Amino acid sequence: MHKVEINKEPVELYKILKFEGLTTTGGEAKLLIGDGQVTVNGDVETRRRRKMLSGDIIGFRGEEILLTLGAADSDP
């Protein structure tokens, strides 16, 4: 299982696929999600803008991604 650190919650599902390089564009990610090729926490997810939180597990093309919340940058 691959861990991905996010800086804020929530994050839209398609953005994670795009920024992790699992798809080349956000549009491609949305199409694959809408086609039922992505799971969230073991269930098929077709909502492209599903709000993802720390602890969620994304399944895509045989790979699992665990989201973890990192420390947000703080300005003095």
Protein backbone atom coordinates (compact mmCIF):
# COMPACT_ATOMS: atom_id res chain seq x y z
CA MET A 1 0.00 0.00 0.00
CA HIS A 2 1.29 3.41 -1.01
CA LYS A 3 0.84 6.32 1.43
CA VAL A 4 0.04 9.81 0.19
CA GLU A 5 0.29 12.79 2.52
CA ILE A 6 -2.30 15.52 2.03
CA ASN A 7 -1.91 18.99 3.52
CA LYS A 8 -5.59 19.78 4.02
CA GLU A 9 -8.93 18.07 4.15
CA PRO A 10 -11.05 17.43 2.21
CA VAL A 11 -9.42 16.78 -1.17
CA GLU A 12 -11.43 15.83 -4.24
CA LEU A 13 -10.84 12.28 -5.45
CA TYR A 14 -9.95 13.15 -9.04
CA LYS A 15 -7.24 15.56 -7.87
CA ILE A 16 -5.43 12.81 -5.98
CA LEU A 17 -5.36 10.57 -9.05
CA LYS A 18 -4.06 13.44 -11.16
CA PHE A 19 -1.42 14.77 -8.78
CA GLU A 20 -0.10 11.29 -7.95
CA GLY A 21 0.47 10.68 -11.67
CA LEU A 22 -2.03 7.83 -11.91
CA THR A 23 -3.77 9.73 -14.72
CA THR A 24 -2.35 12.31 -17.07
CA THR A 25 -5.15 14.86 -16.65
CA GLY A 26 -7.98 15.69 -14.31
CA GLY A 27 -10.42 15.02 -17.15
CA GLU A 28 -9.05 11.51 -17.58
CA ALA A 29 -9.35 10.91 -13.83
CA LYS A 30 -13.00 12.05 -13.88
CA LEU A 31 -13.80 9.70 -16.77
CA LEU A 32 -12.20 6.70 -15.06
CA ILE A 33 -13.99 7.45 -11.79
CA GLY A 34 -17.32 7.86 -13.59
CA ASP A 35 -16.70 4.55 -15.36
CA GLY A 36 -16.45 2.75 -12.00
CA GLN A 37 -12.72 1.98 -12.20
CA VAL A 38 -11.89 3.48 -8.78
CA THR A 39 -12.75 2.25 -5.29
CA VAL A 40 -12.80 4.15 -2.01
CA ASN A 41 -12.57 2.12 1.18
CA GLY A 42 -13.39 -1.04 -0.81
CA ASP A 43 -16.51 0.28 -2.56
CA VAL A 44 -16.78 1.37 -6.20
CA GLU A 45 -16.91 5.17 -6.30
CA THR A 46 -18.39 7.06 -9.25
CA ARG A 47 -18.56 10.55 -7.70
CA ARG A 48 -15.74 12.47 -9.35
CA ARG A 49 -15.61 15.14 -6.68
CA ARG A 50 -15.90 12.78 -3.72
CA LYS A 51 -14.38 14.52 -0.71
CA MET A 52 -11.47 12.46 0.57
CA LEU A 53 -10.19 12.52 4.15
CA SER A 54 -7.19 11.16 6.01
CA GLY A 55 -7.55 7.41 6.49
CA ASP A 56 -9.42 6.85 3.23
CA ILE A 57 -8.05 4.15 0.93
CA ILE A 58 -8.25 4.57 -2.84
CA GLY A 59 -8.03 1.52 -5.09
CA PHE A 60 -7.02 2.01 -8.72
CA ARG A 61 -5.59 -0.44 -11.26
CA GLY A 62 -4.45 -2.91 -8.62
CA GLU A 63 -2.81 -0.26 -6.45
CA GLU A 64 -4.00 0.97 -3.05
CA ILE A 65 -3.35 4.47 -1.77
CA LEU A 66 -3.75 5.40 1.90
CA LEU A 67 -4.31 9.10 2.59
CA THR A 68 -2.60 10.63 5.61
CA LEU A 69 -2.86 14.18 6.87
CA GLY A 70 0.47 15.98 7.15
CA ALA A 71 1.22 19.08 9.16
CA ALA A 72 -0.06 22.18 7.41
CA ASP A 73 2.42 24.94 6.78
CA SER A 74 2.00 27.73 9.28
CA ASP A 75 3.03 31.31 8.76
CA PRO A 76 4.40 33.27 11.74
